[in-house]
Protein backbone atom coordinates (compact mmCIF):
# COMPACT_ATOMS: atom_id res chain seq x y z
CA UNK A 1 -5.81 -19.93 41.24
CA UNK A 2 -8.33 -17.28 41.29
CA UNK A 3 -5.91 -14.83 42.53
CA UNK A 4 -3.31 -15.89 39.90
CA UNK A 5 -6.04 -15.35 37.13
CA UNK A 6 -6.83 -12.16 38.36
CA UNK A 7 -3.27 -11.11 38.52
CA UNK A 8 -2.43 -12.43 34.84
CA UNK A 9 -5.78 -11.01 33.36
CA UNK A 10 -4.87 -7.59 31.82
CA UNK A 11 -6.96 -4.71 32.75
CA UNK A 12 -6.56 -2.44 29.80
CA UNK A 13 -9.09 -2.35 27.32
CA UNK A 14 -6.25 -2.22 24.43
CA UNK A 15 -4.70 -5.45 26.02
CA UNK A 16 -8.08 -6.98 26.01
CA UNK A 17 -8.81 -6.08 22.48
CA UNK A 18 -5.25 -7.36 21.47
CA UNK A 19 -5.87 -10.52 22.89
CA UNK A 20 -9.25 -10.92 21.18
CA UNK A 21 -7.61 -10.13 17.84
CA UNK A 22 -4.82 -12.49 18.54
CA UNK A 23 -7.41 -15.35 19.15
CA UNK A 24 -9.00 -14.49 15.67
CA UNK A 25 -6.30 -16.80 13.85
CA UNK A 26 -7.41 -15.79 10.36
CA UNK A 27 -7.27 -12.12 10.99
CA UNK A 28 -4.02 -12.22 12.93
CA UNK A 29 -2.28 -14.60 10.30
CA UNK A 30 -3.44 -12.32 7.48
CA UNK A 31 -1.88 -9.20 9.39
CA UNK A 32 1.20 -11.02 9.70
CA UNK A 33 1.50 -12.27 6.32
CA UNK A 34 0.46 -8.91 4.77
CA UNK A 35 2.98 -7.13 7.07
CA UNK A 36 5.70 -9.77 5.78
CA UNK A 37 5.06 -9.31 2.29
CA UNK A 38 4.97 -5.59 2.48
CA UNK A 39 8.37 -5.54 4.22
CA UNK A 40 9.74 -7.67 1.70
CA UNK A 41 8.46 -5.35 -0.92
CA UNK A 42 10.20 -2.51 0.71
CA UNK A 43 13.53 -4.15 -0.22
CA UNK A 44 12.48 -5.00 -3.64
CA UNK A 45 15.89 -3.36 -5.15
CA UNK A 46 17.58 -6.37 -3.28
CA UNK A 47 15.38 -9.06 -4.29
CA UNK A 48 14.80 -8.13 -7.98
CA UNK A 49 17.44 -6.06 -9.77
CA UNK A 50 19.36 -6.39 -12.94
CA UNK A 51 22.52 -5.22 -11.13
CA UNK A 52 24.51 -7.42 -8.97
CA UNK A 53 24.30 -6.89 -5.19
CA UNK A 54 28.31 -7.43 -5.13
CA UNK A 55 31.00 -8.13 -7.31
CA UNK A 56 34.71 -8.97 -7.61
CA UNK A 57 36.66 -8.60 -10.95
CA UNK A 58 40.49 -8.90 -11.36
CA UNK A 59 40.94 -8.37 -7.69
CA UNK A 60 38.70 -5.40 -7.17
CA UNK A 61 35.55 -5.21 -5.37
CA UNK A 62 32.45 -3.57 -6.69
CA UNK A 63 28.83 -2.79 -5.54
CA UNK A 64 27.14 -2.34 -8.73
CA UNK A 65 23.63 -1.99 -6.94
CA UNK A 66 24.74 1.33 -5.80
CA UNK A 67 27.50 2.24 -8.26
CA UNK A 68 27.18 3.38 -11.93
CA UNK A 69 30.07 1.34 -13.81
CA UNK A 70 30.91 1.68 -17.29
CA UNK A 71 31.26 -1.59 -19.54
CA UNK A 72 35.06 -0.90 -19.74
CA UNK A 73 35.32 -1.78 -16.21
CA UNK A 74 34.54 -5.37 -17.00
CA UNK A 75 36.58 -5.66 -20.08
CA UNK A 76 33.98 -4.12 -22.53
CA UNK A 77 34.55 -1.85 -25.38
CA UNK A 78 32.28 1.22 -24.58
CA UNK A 79 31.91 3.49 -21.81
CA UNK A 80 28.31 3.04 -21.38
CA UNK A 81 26.63 1.80 -18.40
CA UNK A 82 27.14 -2.00 -18.12
CA UNK A 83 24.36 -4.45 -18.81
CA UNK A 84 24.89 -7.01 -16.37
CA UNK A 85 22.62 -9.52 -18.33
CA UNK A 86 24.77 -9.34 -21.32
CA UNK A 87 26.12 -12.71 -22.09
CA UNK A 88 29.68 -11.30 -22.55
CA UNK A 89 29.62 -9.59 -19.07
CA UNK A 90 28.44 -12.94 -17.46
CA UNK A 91 31.09 -14.74 -19.11
CA UNK A 92 33.64 -12.28 -17.76
CA UNK A 93 32.40 -13.03 -14.26
CA UNK A 94 32.52 -16.60 -14.83
CA UNK A 95 36.26 -16.46 -15.21
CA UNK A 96 38.48 -17.79 -12.63
CA UNK A 97 38.67 -15.44 -9.63
CA UNK A 98 35.73 -13.33 -10.83
CA UNK A 99 32.15 -13.50 -9.52
CA UNK A 100 28.90 -11.60 -9.18
CA UNK A 101 26.07 -12.12 -6.72
CA UNK A 102 22.87 -11.38 -8.39
CA UNK A 103 19.53 -10.90 -6.70
CA UNK A 104 17.14 -13.93 -6.67
CA UNK A 105 15.24 -12.39 -9.49
CA UNK A 106 17.98 -10.70 -11.85
CA UNK A 107 15.40 -8.25 -13.40
CA UNK A 108 14.49 -4.73 -12.60
CA UNK A 109 10.85 -3.56 -13.32
CA UNK A 110 12.12 -1.40 -16.25
CA UNK A 111 14.54 -4.01 -17.59
CA UNK A 112 14.00 -5.13 -21.21
CA UNK A 113 15.04 -8.87 -21.76
CA UNK A 114 16.78 -8.54 -25.05
CA UNK A 115 18.10 -11.96 -24.82
CA UNK A 116 14.70 -13.79 -24.44
CA UNK A 117 14.39 -16.86 -26.56
CA UNK A 118 10.83 -16.37 -27.43
CA UNK A 119 9.13 -13.17 -28.72
CA UNK A 120 7.38 -10.82 -26.32
CA UNK A 121 5.17 -11.41 -24.56
CA UNK A 122 7.16 -14.65 -23.69
CA UNK A 123 5.46 -17.27 -21.52
CA UNK A 124 6.95 -18.42 -17.96
CA UNK A 125 10.40 -19.89 -18.03
CA UNK A 126 13.33 -20.58 -15.97
CA UNK A 127 14.66 -17.04 -16.77
CA UNK A 128 11.39 -15.37 -16.37
CA UNK A 129 9.47 -17.20 -13.72
CA UNK A 130 6.09 -15.42 -14.66
CA UNK A 131 7.03 -14.63 -18.23
CA UNK A 132 7.51 -11.21 -19.80
CA UNK A 133 5.00 -8.38 -20.83
CA UNK A 134 4.54 -7.15 -24.28
CA UNK A 135 7.62 -5.05 -23.92
CA UNK A 136 10.02 -7.57 -22.54
CA UNK A 137 9.77 -6.72 -18.84
CA UNK A 138 9.94 -9.47 -16.20
CA UNK A 139 6.20 -9.87 -14.75
CA UNK A 140 7.57 -10.81 -11.33
CA UNK A 141 9.61 -7.61 -11.15
CA UNK A 142 6.72 -5.56 -12.12
CA UNK A 143 4.37 -7.33 -9.68
CA UNK A 144 6.78 -6.91 -6.77
CA UNK A 145 7.41 -3.26 -7.45
CA UNK A 146 3.70 -2.52 -8.35
CA UNK A 147 2.66 -4.16 -4.96
CA UNK A 148 5.08 -1.85 -3.05
CA UNK A 149 3.75 1.48 -5.05
CA UNK A 150 -0.06 0.04 -4.52
CA UNK A 151 0.38 -0.33 -0.66
CA UNK A 152 2.30 2.83 -0.09
CA UNK A 153 -0.13 4.86 -2.10
CA UNK A 154 -2.98 3.12 -0.23
CA UNK A 155 -1.33 3.83 3.21
CA UNK A 156 -0.63 7.51 2.29
CA UNK A 157 -4.30 8.00 0.93
CA UNK A 158 -5.78 6.14 4.20
CA UNK A 159 -3.67 8.48 6.35
CA UNK A 160 -4.70 11.68 4.40
CA UNK A 161 -8.37 10.55 4.42
CA UNK A 162 -8.43 9.52 7.91
CA UNK A 163 -7.17 12.85 9.30
CA UNK A 164 -9.66 14.76 7.26
CA UNK A 165 -12.32 12.56 8.08
CA UNK A 166 -11.61 12.60 11.90
CA UNK A 167 -11.05 16.41 11.95
CA UNK A 168 -14.36 17.32 10.10
CA UNK A 169 -16.34 14.52 12.07
CA UNK A 170 -14.99 15.70 15.42
CA UNK A 171 -15.86 19.25 14.52
CA UNK A 172 -19.43 18.48 13.63
CA UNK A 173 -20.17 16.09 16.48
CA UNK A 174 -18.64 18.06 19.34
CA UNK A 175 -19.93 21.38 18.56
CA UNK A 176 -23.32 20.61 16.74
CA UNK A 177 -25.85 23.12 16.01
CA UNK A 178 -24.85 25.50 13.23
CA UNK A 179 -21.52 24.21 12.81
CA UNK A 180 -22.75 20.81 12.15
CA UNK A 181 -25.56 22.06 9.81
CA UNK A 182 -23.14 24.09 7.71
CA UNK A 183 -20.74 21.33 7.34
CA UNK A 184 -23.35 18.76 6.40
CA UNK A 185 -24.67 20.88 3.72
CA UNK A 186 -20.98 21.36 2.32
CA UNK A 187 -20.44 17.60 2.47
CA UNK A 188 -23.68 16.95 0.47
CA UNK A 189 -22.68 19.40 -2.23
CA UNK A 190 -18.96 18.10 -2.15
CA UNK A 191 -20.15 14.42 -2.38
CA UNK A 192 -22.28 15.34 -5.53
CA UNK A 193 -19.19 16.51 -7.62
CA UNK A 194 -18.29 14.15 -10.21
CA UNK A 195 -15.08 12.71 -9.08
CA UNK A 196 -14.22 10.63 -12.29
CA UNK A 197 -14.76 13.48 -14.53
CA UNK A 198 -12.65 15.75 -12.26
CA UNK A 199 -9.78 12.94 -12.60
CA UNK A 200 -10.08 12.95 -16.33
CA UNK A 201 -9.90 16.80 -16.62
CA UNK A 202 -7.01 17.14 -14.30
CA UNK A 203 -5.33 14.22 -16.10
CA UNK A 204 -5.44 16.16 -19.33
CA UNK A 205 -4.50 19.35 -17.77
CA UNK A 206 -1.48 18.29 -15.62
CA UNK A 207 1.14 15.77 -16.03
CA UNK A 208 0.07 12.32 -14.23
CA UNK A 209 1.76 11.73 -10.94
CA UNK A 210 1.12 9.76 -7.90
CA UNK A 211 0.93 13.11 -5.74
CA UNK A 212 -1.91 14.54 -7.96
CA UNK A 213 -3.80 11.32 -7.60
CA UNK A 214 -3.37 11.34 -3.94
CA UNK A 215 -4.61 14.85 -3.70
CA UNK A 216 -7.56 14.19 -5.82
CA UNK A 217 -8.61 11.01 -4.29
CA UNK A 218 -7.94 12.31 -0.77
CA UNK A 219 -10.27 15.11 -1.29
CA UNK A 220 -13.16 12.73 -1.87
CA UNK A 221 -12.16 9.81 0.38
CA UNK A 222 -12.83 11.24 3.91
CA UNK A 223 -16.66 11.80 3.99
CA UNK A 224 -17.62 8.13 4.81
CA UNK A 225 -15.20 8.05 7.73
CA UNK A 226 -16.48 11.54 8.79
CA UNK A 227 -20.07 10.30 9.42
CA UNK A 228 -18.87 7.49 11.80
CA UNK A 229 -16.78 9.98 13.68
CA UNK A 230 -19.37 12.52 13.96
CA UNK A 231 -21.91 9.96 15.33
CA UNK A 232 -19.37 8.96 17.95
CA UNK A 233 -18.76 12.56 19.00
CA UNK A 234 -22.37 13.30 19.14
CA UNK A 235 -22.81 10.29 21.56
CA UNK A 236 -19.70 10.77 23.67
CA UNK A 237 -20.25 14.48 24.20
CA UNK A 238 -23.33 13.93 26.33
CA UNK A 239 -21.51 11.48 28.71
CA UNK A 240 -20.79 12.27 32.21
CA UNK A 241 -16.98 12.53 31.93
CA UNK A 242 -17.25 15.27 29.34
CA UNK A 243 -19.59 17.08 31.62
CA UNK A 244 -16.91 16.65 34.49
CA UNK A 245 -14.25 17.81 32.26
CA UNK A 246 -16.23 20.85 31.48
CA UNK A 247 -16.81 21.66 35.02
CA UNK A 248 -13.23 21.53 35.72
CA UNK A 249 -12.68 24.13 33.30
CA UNK A 250 -10.84 22.26 30.42
CA UNK A 251 -10.82 23.82 26.97
CA UNK A 252 -12.73 22.55 24.25
CA UNK A 253 -9.41 21.48 22.55
CA UNK A 254 -8.44 19.54 25.77
CA UNK A 255 -11.74 17.92 25.97
CA UNK A 256 -11.80 16.63 22.49
CA UNK A 257 -7.98 15.47 22.47
CA UNK A 258 -7.74 14.10 25.78
CA UNK A 259 -11.38 12.62 26.47
CA UNK A 260 -13.65 12.40 23.33
CA UNK A 261 -11.09 11.53 20.60
CA UNK A 262 -9.71 8.49 22.24
CA UNK A 263 -13.23 7.05 22.93
CA UNK A 264 -14.41 7.78 19.36
CA UNK A 265 -11.62 6.02 17.36
CA UNK A 266 -13.19 2.58 17.37
CA UNK A 267 -14.87 3.02 13.85
CA UNK A 268 -11.61 4.72 12.61
CA UNK A 269 -9.37 1.74 13.43
CA UNK A 270 -11.74 -0.71 12.15
CA UNK A 271 -12.28 0.81 8.83
CA UNK A 272 -8.71 1.10 8.09
CA UNK A 273 -7.87 -2.27 6.36
CA UNK A 274 -10.99 -1.56 4.42
CA UNK A 275 -10.08 1.80 3.38
CA UNK A 276 -6.67 0.44 2.08
CA UNK A 277 -8.59 -2.19 0.06
CA UNK A 278 -10.60 0.55 -1.53
CA UNK A 279 -7.41 2.77 -2.14
CA UNK A 280 -5.76 -0.07 -3.85
CA UNK A 281 -8.72 -0.71 -6.08
CA UNK A 282 -9.06 2.83 -6.96
CA UNK A 283 -5.36 3.08 -8.01
CA UNK A 284 -5.71 -0.19 -9.88
CA UNK A 285 -8.91 0.86 -11.60
CA UNK A 286 -7.45 4.27 -12.62
CA UNK A 287 -4.20 2.68 -13.96
CA UNK A 288 -6.35 0.24 -15.83
CA UNK A 289 -8.03 3.10 -17.53
CA UNK A 290 -4.72 5.26 -18.12
CA UNK A 291 -5.48 7.83 -15.60
CA UNK A 292 -3.18 6.76 -12.91
CA UNK A 293 0.61 6.67 -12.38
CA UNK A 294 2.93 8.07 -15.09
CA UNK A 295 3.79 5.73 -17.99
CA UNK A 296 6.54 3.33 -17.14
CA UNK A 297 5.74 3.23 -13.58
CA UNK A 298 5.09 -0.48 -12.38
CA UNK A 299 1.50 -0.80 -11.64
CA UNK A 300 -1.11 -3.62 -11.24
CA UNK A 301 -3.60 -1.75 -13.17
CA UNK A 302 -1.34 -1.46 -16.24
CA UNK A 303 -0.43 -4.95 -16.24
CA UNK A 304 -4.32 -5.86 -16.02
CA UNK A 305 -4.53 -3.60 -19.15
CA UNK A 306 -1.70 -5.56 -20.93
CA UNK A 307 -3.46 -8.70 -19.91
CA UNK A 308 -6.76 -7.34 -21.63
CA UNK A 309 -4.83 -6.24 -24.74
CA UNK A 310 -2.78 -9.60 -25.12
CA UNK A 311 -5.52 -12.18 -24.44
CA UNK A 312 -2.98 -15.05 -25.31
CA UNK A 313 -0.67 -14.14 -22.73
CA UNK A 314 -2.54 -15.50 -19.87
CA UNK A 315 0.23 -15.45 -17.41
CA UNK A 316 0.02 -11.36 -17.30
CA UNK A 317 -3.53 -11.30 -16.34
CA UNK A 318 -3.69 -14.39 -14.16
CA UNK A 319 -0.61 -13.40 -11.86
CA UNK A 320 -1.80 -9.94 -11.62
CA UNK A 321 -5.34 -11.06 -10.55
CA UNK A 322 -3.83 -13.46 -8.13
CA UNK A 323 -1.71 -10.76 -6.35
CA UNK A 324 -4.56 -8.29 -6.32
CA UNK A 325 -7.11 -11.08 -4.88
CA UNK A 326 -4.55 -12.25 -2.01
CA UNK A 327 -4.02 -8.61 -1.12
CA UNK A 328 -7.66 -7.55 -0.82
CA UNK A 329 -8.34 -10.83 0.93
CA UNK A 330 -5.52 -10.27 3.59
CA UNK A 331 -6.77 -6.74 4.28
CA UNK A 332 -10.55 -7.88 4.43
CA UNK A 333 -9.69 -10.68 6.97
CA UNK A 334 -7.63 -7.97 8.93
CA UNK A 335 -10.45 -5.78 9.00
CA UNK A 336 -13.01 -8.59 10.09
CA UNK A 337 -10.56 -9.30 12.89
CA UNK A 338 -10.26 -5.70 14.09
CA UNK A 339 -14.15 -5.22 14.13
CA UNK A 340 -14.44 -8.37 16.27
CA UNK A 341 -11.69 -7.41 18.52
CA UNK A 342 -13.18 -3.90 19.12
CA UNK A 343 -16.83 -4.96 19.35
CA UNK A 344 -18.08 -3.47 22.72
CA UNK A 345 -20.18 -6.24 23.39
CA UNK A 346 -17.18 -8.74 23.64
CA UNK A 347 -16.04 -7.35 26.90
CA UNK A 348 -14.15 -10.28 28.21
CA UNK A 349 -10.76 -11.35 26.54
């Protein structure tokens, strides 16, 4: 039995950390649920769209979701793009031999529901599960596409900030001395810059875009992680394996990349979910203030602003707040699970 346990016990620290993370049910379940929701949002066009996935009309097959088809194709009078929510078009597909396969939610994030039975913003109904906003756009579609943009933006900002933070922290911690002193003074000056004022200024000078936000927020979002990486490098560069690598003639780049960096990534991995949460909150806050993504882009912050401006339309703010809270809770539980799994004091799986 003892021999069997020794054989089955993984010897790799990564395997032991993964087993500890798997045993944290809340963190592991949160990761699985978040990944599942994110993967579904990547296929938002197949889940929420005002164009059918596939259609058959008078013996001909069409794929409207990737085709631009004029109304005359389906018996209409005009050569304009087909509105597949038009009762006339739907009546055409209802005829014998004709059919159209619509997505589960037949609305795109930009679709205006001209055929709503109540004035906008309309409350939840069988047609619009979470109602419409003040322009008649489906809230479910706006939430789905807005969630995807928020997570993709958070991933990009996290990667950008992590690369900068690890690079600057590694240089400070490994070389120390004047390099560390000069970069610390630069970080102190740079962190004193008024980030919000700069965002307001650049938003007034340039057209609002996600790339502009990514660059501006990324230039300020790396400093916190840099301090942790710097501390890890300052500690690890004094250990015996680094001295042995120097004695063997390895260059500084080889020592950093092969030896010190892999042993200094624990705070980086631990803080990734929390950095994503901060990025989602930053984008939502800027969108709420009108300083975020371009107008018309689906955004959680823009929906919250609509909820503030339309107090009676409780479904807008409530559903958006629920999506935001659930997303941040899942990321927080993931971060807690990673922190416990990578805790060096928990050496046994």
